[in-house]
Amino acid sequence: MAYPDAFLLIVEDDASFARALQKSFERRGYRVSVCDGVETLDAALATVTPSKAVVDLKLAGGSGLECVKILHRRDPSTKIVVLTGFASISTAVESIKLGACHYLAKPSSVDDIEAAFTRREGDSTVVLSQRQSSIKTLEWERIHETLAETNFNISEAARRLGMHRRTLARKLAKQRVG
């Protein structure tokens, strides 16, 4: 099935994963362009106007949240799916606030991503967890929330969290931020 009007932009810094996604979407009839982060996004947008975008949250050159903001500001009708291996509630919330239509944790299939593009509303029948969040999870959520608030500035986030910058850096190294 071809999608002649469906131009897809993939923002992913893992070249092999980006290539695999690109090939999969091209087999489905999409026209696809790939860029590897915030620094190359403007150049990509100079040559294409995507109707859909897949944005990795953790990019080598910064946060995918910035890419979501840029894409949404450029064209609010662009359907943006954020894909991450380091999912958290705070980054999910920020992604949606900045203009993403969906947020998926890796691994997600091309079918999952394509379905996320077509979902117009949330699912009120989603099963609620009966398990309370652990202290470790709550801490991780608070760290993510603060990082998002500070545009991923580790020094400022550490100051707001009341911890030394090196302590925060060690925590982030143990559980990569995404």
C-alpha atoms as a PDB file:
ATOM      1  CA  MET A   1       0.000   0.000   0.000  1.00  0.00           C
ATOM      2  CA  ALA A   2       1.510   3.330  -1.056  1.00  0.00           C
ATOM      3  CA  TYR A   3       1.076   6.560   0.851  1.00  0.00           C
ATOM      4  CA  PRO A   4       1.976   9.230  -1.744  1.00  0.00           C
ATOM      5  CA  ASP A   5       1.271  12.104   0.651  1.00  0.00           C
ATOM      6  CA  ALA A   6       3.001  10.448   3.596  1.00  0.00           C
ATOM      7  CA  PHE A   7       6.457  11.897   3.973  1.00  0.00           C
ATOM      8  CA  LEU A   8       8.086  10.521   7.104  1.00  0.00           C
ATOM      9  CA  LEU A   9      11.026  12.065   8.932  1.00  0.00           C
ATOM     10  CA  ILE A  10      13.025   9.853  11.279  1.00  0.00           C
ATOM     11  CA  VAL A  11      15.140  11.612  13.915  1.00  0.00           C
ATOM     12  CA  GLU A  12      17.444   8.902  15.265  1.00  0.00           C
ATOM     13  CA  ASP A  13      21.170   8.951  16.095  1.00  0.00           C
ATOM     14  CA  ASP A  14      21.621   5.167  15.947  1.00  0.00           C
ATOM     15  CA  ALA A  15      22.432   4.807  12.236  1.00  0.00           C
ATOM     16  CA  SER A  16      21.646   1.090  11.976  1.00  0.00           C
ATOM     17  CA  PHE A  17      18.297   1.444  13.765  1.00  0.00           C
ATOM     18  CA  ALA A  18      17.428   4.487  11.636  1.00  0.00           C
ATOM     19  CA  ARG A  19      18.291   2.550   8.466  1.00  0.00           C
ATOM     20  CA  ALA A  20      16.131  -0.407   9.557  1.00  0.00           C
ATOM     21  CA  LEU A  21      13.182   1.903  10.300  1.00  0.00           C
ATOM     22  CA  GLN A  22      13.685   3.709   7.014  1.00  0.00           C
ATOM     23  CA  LYS A  23      13.682   0.467   4.989  1.00  0.00           C
ATOM     24  CA  SER A  24      10.611  -0.833   6.813  1.00  0.00           C
ATOM     25  CA  PHE A  25       8.614   2.341   6.183  1.00  0.00           C
ATOM     26  CA  GLU A  26       9.772   2.545   2.552  1.00  0.00           C
ATOM     27  CA  ARG A  27       8.508  -1.002   2.002  1.00  0.00           C
ATOM     28  CA  ARG A  28       5.124   0.287   3.205  1.00  0.00           C
ATOM     29  CA  GLY A  29       5.152   3.054   0.605  1.00  0.00           C
ATOM     30  CA  TYR A  30       6.371   5.998   2.657  1.00  0.00           C
ATOM     31  CA  ARG A  31       8.872   8.524   1.388  1.00  0.00           C
ATOM     32  CA  VAL A  32      11.450   8.723   4.187  1.00  0.00           C
ATOM     33  CA  SER A  33      14.176  11.119   5.237  1.00  0.00           C
ATOM     34  CA  VAL A  34      16.514  10.609   8.195  1.00  0.00           C
ATOM     35  CA  CYS A  35      18.428  13.045  10.369  1.00  0.00           C
ATOM     36  CA  ASP A  36      20.431  12.309  13.503  1.00  0.00           C
ATOM     37  CA  GLY A  37      19.501  15.101  15.886  1.00  0.00           C
ATOM     38  CA  VAL A  38      18.703  18.688  16.702  1.00  0.00           C
ATOM     39  CA  GLU A  39      21.761  19.989  14.814  1.00  0.00           C
ATOM     40  CA  THR A  40      20.725  18.366  11.510  1.00  0.00           C
ATOM     41  CA  LEU A  41      16.967  18.841  11.877  1.00  0.00           C
ATOM     42  CA  ASP A  42      16.866  22.339  10.373  1.00  0.00           C
ATOM     43  CA  ALA A  43      18.774  21.147   7.299  1.00  0.00           C
ATOM     44  CA  ALA A  44      16.371  18.218   6.891  1.00  0.00           C
ATOM     45  CA  LEU A  45      13.348  20.504   7.239  1.00  0.00           C
ATOM     46  CA  ALA A  46      14.775  22.826   4.570  1.00  0.00           C
ATOM     47  CA  THR A  47      14.299  20.080   1.978  1.00  0.00           C
ATOM     48  CA  VAL A  48      11.217  18.198   3.266  1.00  0.00           C
ATOM     49  CA  THR A  49       7.896  18.895   4.925  1.00  0.00           C
ATOM     50  CA  PRO A  50       7.010  15.727   6.815  1.00  0.00           C
ATOM     51  CA  SER A  51       3.429  14.744   7.519  1.00  0.00           C
ATOM     52  CA  LYS A  52       4.736  12.274  10.106  1.00  0.00           C
ATOM     53  CA  ALA A  53       7.853  12.006  12.254  1.00  0.00           C
ATOM     54  CA  VAL A  54       9.432   9.410  14.524  1.00  0.00           C
ATOM     55  CA  VAL A  55      11.711  11.039  17.087  1.00  0.00           C
ATOM     56  CA  ASP A  56      14.077   9.210  19.415  1.00  0.00           C
ATOM     57  CA  LEU A  57      14.015  10.819  22.843  1.00  0.00           C
ATOM     58  CA  LYS A  58      17.705  10.285  23.697  1.00  0.00           C
ATOM     59  CA  LEU A  59      19.928  11.739  21.011  1.00  0.00           C
ATOM     60  CA  ALA A  60      23.707  12.099  21.145  1.00  0.00           C
ATOM     61  CA  GLY A  61      23.478  15.832  20.506  1.00  0.00           C
ATOM     62  CA  GLY A  62      20.647  16.551  22.925  1.00  0.00           C
ATOM     63  CA  SER A  63      17.056  15.790  23.693  1.00  0.00           C
ATOM     64  CA  GLY A  64      14.446  14.607  21.221  1.00  0.00           C
ATOM     65  CA  LEU A  65      12.032  16.863  23.120  1.00  0.00           C
ATOM     66  CA  GLU A  66      13.678  19.834  21.415  1.00  0.00           C
ATOM     67  CA  CYS A  67      13.088  18.152  18.037  1.00  0.00           C
ATOM     68  CA  VAL A  68       9.414  17.608  18.917  1.00  0.00           C
ATOM     69  CA  LYS A  69       9.103  21.299  19.786  1.00  0.00           C
ATOM     70  CA  ILE A  70      10.743  22.373  16.512  1.00  0.00           C
ATOM     71  CA  LEU A  71       8.650  20.005  14.386  1.00  0.00           C
ATOM     72  CA  HIS A  72       5.388  21.011  16.064  1.00  0.00           C
ATOM     73  CA  ARG A  73       6.190  24.726  15.842  1.00  0.00           C
ATOM     74  CA  ARG A  74       6.972  24.363  12.126  1.00  0.00           C
ATOM     75  CA  ASP A  75       3.746  22.472  11.338  1.00  0.00           C
ATOM     76  CA  PRO A  76       1.261  21.625  14.109  1.00  0.00           C
ATOM     77  CA  SER A  77      -0.445  19.079  11.830  1.00  0.00           C
ATOM     78  CA  THR A  78       2.684  16.875  11.712  1.00  0.00           C
ATOM     79  CA  LYS A  79       1.970  13.638  13.561  1.00  0.00           C
ATOM     80  CA  ILE A  80       4.951  12.999  15.838  1.00  0.00           C
ATOM     81  CA  VAL A  81       5.639   9.722  17.640  1.00  0.00           C
ATOM     82  CA  VAL A  82       8.350   9.770  20.283  1.00  0.00           C
ATOM     83  CA  LEU A  83      10.229   6.502  20.614  1.00  0.00           C
ATOM     84  CA  THR A  84      12.511   5.765  23.571  1.00  0.00           C
ATOM     85  CA  GLY A  85      14.364   3.029  25.356  1.00  0.00           C
ATOM     86  CA  PHE A  86      14.266   5.096  28.543  1.00  0.00           C
ATOM     87  CA  ALA A  87      10.584   5.804  29.079  1.00  0.00           C
ATOM     88  CA  SER A  88       9.356   7.856  31.998  1.00  0.00           C
ATOM     89  CA  ILE A  89       6.119   9.531  32.923  1.00  0.00           C
ATOM     90  CA  SER A  90       7.632  13.015  32.892  1.00  0.00           C
ATOM     91  CA  THR A  91       9.154  12.687  29.421  1.00  0.00           C
ATOM     92  CA  ALA A  92       5.910  11.173  28.122  1.00  0.00           C
ATOM     93  CA  VAL A  93       3.948  14.120  29.499  1.00  0.00           C
ATOM     94  CA  GLU A  94       6.437  16.656  28.131  1.00  0.00           C
ATOM     95  CA  SER A  95       6.418  14.972  24.703  1.00  0.00           C
ATOM     96  CA  ILE A  96       2.645  15.275  24.459  1.00  0.00           C
ATOM     97  CA  LYS A  97       2.675  18.859  25.775  1.00  0.00           C
ATOM     98  CA  LEU A  98       5.239  19.785  23.114  1.00  0.00           C
ATOM     99  CA  GLY A  99       3.138  18.347  20.301  1.00  0.00           C
ATOM    100  CA  ALA A 100       3.749  14.609  19.968  1.00  0.00           C
ATOM    101  CA  CYS A 101       0.663  12.546  19.229  1.00  0.00           C
ATOM    102  CA  HIS A 102       2.048   9.432  20.896  1.00  0.00           C
ATOM    103  CA  TYR A 103       4.930   8.116  23.019  1.00  0.00           C
ATOM    104  CA  LEU A 104       6.189   4.549  22.643  1.00  0.00           C
ATOM    105  CA  ALA A 105       8.778   2.595  24.590  1.00  0.00           C
ATOM    106  CA  LYS A 106      11.324   0.542  22.654  1.00  0.00           C
ATOM    107  CA  PRO A 107      11.134  -2.063  21.406  1.00  0.00           C
ATOM    108  CA  SER A 108       8.191  -1.056  19.242  1.00  0.00           C
ATOM    109  CA  SER A 109       7.451  -2.479  15.832  1.00  0.00           C
ATOM    110  CA  VAL A 110       6.719  -0.500  12.687  1.00  0.00           C
ATOM    111  CA  ASP A 111       3.117  -1.708  13.120  1.00  0.00           C
ATOM    112  CA  ASP A 112       3.058  -0.099  16.596  1.00  0.00           C
ATOM    113  CA  ILE A 113       4.451   3.161  15.244  1.00  0.00           C
ATOM    114  CA  GLU A 114       2.058   3.249  12.316  1.00  0.00           C
ATOM    115  CA  ALA A 115      -0.878   2.540  14.643  1.00  0.00           C
ATOM    116  CA  ALA A 116       0.286   5.384  16.903  1.00  0.00           C
ATOM    117  CA  PHE A 117       0.047   7.787  13.949  1.00  0.00           C
ATOM    118  CA  THR A 118      -3.606   6.898  13.437  1.00  0.00           C
ATOM    119  CA  ARG A 119      -4.750   7.092  17.058  1.00  0.00           C
ATOM    120  CA  ARG A 120      -6.722  10.271  17.517  1.00  0.00           C
ATOM    121  CA  GLU A 121      -7.631   9.952  21.184  1.00  0.00           C
ATOM    122  CA  GLY A 122      -6.373   8.351  24.357  1.00  0.00           C
ATOM    123  CA  ASP A 123      -7.597   4.951  25.528  1.00  0.00           C
ATOM    124  CA  SER A 124      -9.717   5.222  28.668  1.00  0.00           C
ATOM    125  CA  THR A 125      -9.871   1.425  28.944  1.00  0.00           C
ATOM    126  CA  VAL A 126      -6.142   1.035  29.547  1.00  0.00           C
ATOM    127  CA  VAL A 127      -5.527  -1.182  32.552  1.00  0.00           C
ATOM    128  CA  LEU A 128      -4.455   0.698  35.663  1.00  0.00           C
ATOM    129  CA  SER A 129      -1.633  -0.813  37.668  1.00  0.00           C
ATOM    130  CA  GLN A 130      -2.475  -2.040  41.145  1.00  0.00           C
ATOM    131  CA  ARG A 131       1.158  -1.755  42.180  1.00  0.00           C
ATOM    132  CA  GLN A 132       2.375   1.450  43.759  1.00  0.00           C
ATOM    133  CA  SER A 133       5.493   3.097  42.442  1.00  0.00           C
ATOM    134  CA  SER A 134       8.727   2.288  44.252  1.00  0.00           C
ATOM    135  CA  ILE A 135      10.884   4.949  45.870  1.00  0.00           C
ATOM    136  CA  LYS A 136      13.480   4.343  43.157  1.00  0.00           C
ATOM    137  CA  THR A 137      10.883   4.882  40.409  1.00  0.00           C
ATOM    138  CA  LEU A 138       9.569   8.038  42.079  1.00  0.00           C
ATOM    139  CA  GLU A 139      13.116   9.389  42.353  1.00  0.00           C
ATOM    140  CA  TRP A 140      13.786   8.588  38.701  1.00  0.00           C
ATOM    141  CA  GLU A 141      10.536  10.305  37.672  1.00  0.00           C
ATOM    142  CA  ARG A 142      11.439  13.418  39.676  1.00  0.00           C
ATOM    143  CA  ILE A 143      14.905  13.503  38.109  1.00  0.00           C
ATOM    144  CA  HIS A 144      13.397  13.239  34.609  1.00  0.00           C
ATOM    145  CA  GLU A 145      10.839  15.924  35.376  1.00  0.00           C
ATOM    146  CA  THR A 146      13.523  18.295  36.615  1.00  0.00           C
ATOM    147  CA  LEU A 147      15.779  17.541  33.649  1.00  0.00           C
ATOM    148  CA  ALA A 148      12.917  18.328  31.267  1.00  0.00           C
ATOM    149  CA  GLU A 149      12.193  21.581  33.140  1.00  0.00           C
ATOM    150  CA  THR A 150      15.849  22.624  32.765  1.00  0.00           C
ATOM    151  CA  ASN A 151      16.184  21.566  29.112  1.00  0.00           C
ATOM    152  CA  PHE A 152      18.496  18.742  30.227  1.00  0.00           C
ATOM    153  CA  ASN A 153      20.984  21.086  31.910  1.00  0.00           C
ATOM    154  CA  ILE A 154      22.552  18.736  34.468  1.00  0.00           C
ATOM    155  CA  SER A 155      24.062  21.485  36.633  1.00  0.00           C
ATOM    156  CA  GLU A 156      20.776  23.350  36.955  1.00  0.00           C
ATOM    157  CA  ALA A 157      18.803  20.129  37.503  1.00  0.00           C
ATOM    158  CA  ALA A 158      21.206  19.087  40.272  1.00  0.00           C
ATOM    159  CA  ARG A 159      20.823  22.500  41.924  1.00  0.00           C
ATOM    160  CA  ARG A 160      17.013  22.241  41.816  1.00  0.00           C
ATOM    161  CA  LEU A 161      17.117  18.686  43.149  1.00  0.00           C
ATOM    162  CA  GLY A 162      19.434  19.711  45.987  1.00  0.00           C
ATOM    163  CA  MET A 163      22.222  17.317  45.031  1.00  0.00           C
ATOM    164  CA  HIS A 164      25.764  17.631  43.799  1.00  0.00           C
ATOM    165  CA  ARG A 165      26.160  17.670  40.013  1.00  0.00           C
ATOM    166  CA  ARG A 166      28.474  14.633  40.124  1.00  0.00           C
ATOM    167  CA  THR A 167      25.907  12.675  42.148  1.00  0.00           C
ATOM    168  CA  LEU A 168      23.264  13.386  39.524  1.00  0.00           C
ATOM    169  CA  ALA A 169      25.696  12.500  36.745  1.00  0.00           C
ATOM    170  CA  ARG A 170      26.421   9.136  38.437  1.00  0.00           C
ATOM    171  CA  LYS A 171      22.694   8.399  38.767  1.00  0.00           C
ATOM    172  CA  LEU A 172      22.181   9.241  35.101  1.00  0.00           C
ATOM    173  CA  ALA A 173      25.108   7.040  34.086  1.00  0.00           C
ATOM    174  CA  LYS A 174      23.527   4.089  35.948  1.00  0.00           C
ATOM    175  CA  GLN A 175      20.141   4.597  34.296  1.00  0.00           C
ATOM    176  CA  ARG A 176      20.637   6.509  31.071  1.00  0.00           C
ATOM    177  CA  VAL A 177      18.270   9.431  30.641  1.00  0.00           C
ATOM    178  CA  GLY A 178      16.106   9.365  27.618  1.00  0.00           C
END
